[in-house]
């Protein structure tokens, strides 16, 4: 029915309608091509398509260090640039990819043959004050490389072309090159440094520097400089987000589920203020994770002194691994796509995931109290880890995928379920004071004829015996609560099977509460010993 011709950068798609095509359908096509037809959901009337005059192109050259040279045409900023050459096989989502802070310092090669078809949207914000169509306010990639760029775009949200956007943002871009050959080289030889040079004169033998972005701390460049808050309407949780280059949709995924988010700089000592939050999240980001040892050290201190739930994504996954003593390795060419299969080892289910990373966690160096959570079914690399007993887990892939599959979006629900539970158990403690008993705990102590004497640093308790920290009394109080459970439940006249199940559930709940209250390691051994004596079925 249609005879669609593939065009070069100097022309546009022009569908040829067969003579026998229904006139009504012909008129629909004609109407949809009109610039004055606006989508009913559009808040502003942007053009749905353009027929702009093709810009004048300059010659451009893309050179891979110690590799081939590709000649094409510039359609972005008229400036030279160098960076790490990487490729993505994503079919859609180029505005999101180009604004992803994880691409900072990289020359992004698109394998999709034609880029720019649907133009570039405006920087409108959603109901949470977050960018609706971008992952950050500006293009983060150092440059882009495409086989063909669409001069005529068509989409109801579009306000400018890809060429106009790149030029306005000062980002070089080259088209008319053999991206298949580029990707084949990078796949076989591994990611390499590259350079784009604009202009007719180019000397391949000229000694030009190839700057390696991985040699510097890129996270420092993209992380927020000061804390900022994104509230959730009617939210019931408060999450501290360590911003290593966070994507807007990660914040949106938390806020839309009822968690207000406070974004902190990557080097912020979160362990010092963890008591003010219900959960900690570690974001994605660019570059070599070993440049962020300050972040991993802070996470180590956090895990040593708190039972707060922690969730890390991408670089956040790698930093959590470093915090527990594991190692990360540079991958040959990384994983950057929207269709990478990851196997959930806990359920045996396969998820199609969105990924963008060049480093991976060496699962063989992860300590025994963690286990592998997800594994990549293409290359066998680690895709996640989870603590065996505590609410700490992380993924290498992006469950929030904007411009990709949402198979694993449930992980945000799983994390926030842990956050809500943690907040509930923290009701036994006064907010902001990890060692101060709340009225609820005072009542519990009163039942055991133990008084609480406030006004001294450790809030010592006193009763029949000598004064002691109330935390030290918990190993004695919790087992007594466990002993009374069967009698309490039996007194309600419930069935035997239901009673046993409730006993198990209540014991697990009490154990969870106690474990999180006794975050300080010095109380843990005594408590664990007492608890084991009373939880055996």
Foldseek 3Di string as FASTA:
>chain_A
DWDWDDDAQQDAIDTDDDPPDDPVVVVVVVVLPDQQDADPPDPDFAGQKDDDHRDDWFKKWKDFVVDDIWIFTKLFAQDKAKAKEAEEAFQDQPQAVQQQQQQARYAYEYPHQEPFQAADADQDADPQRFGDRYFDPAGRHQAYEHAHYHPMHGDNRHHGTPSVRRHVRNHIYGYNTDSVVVVVCCVVQFITMMMMHTHDDDDPPDDDDHDYPQVDQSLQVQFDPAKDKGAAVQADFEEEEARSRATRLVCVLQSVVRYIYIYGYLLDLCLVVVLQGLAYEYHAHYHDLVNSLSNLCSVLSNLQQFLHAYEYEASGQVSVQVNQPWDKDFARRDHAYQAWWKAFPVPRDIDGFGADDGMATDQVRRDPQKDQGIATPPPRTGFKIAGPPGNYIYGNTDCSDDSHDNRPSCVSVVRVVSSVLSVVLCVQADRPQLQHGDVVVQVLCVVVQKHWDDDDDNRWIHGPDDTDRVLLCVLVSLLVVLVCLLVVLVVVVDDPVVSVVVSLVVLVSSVVSNCRSPSNVVSPVSNVVSSVVRNDD
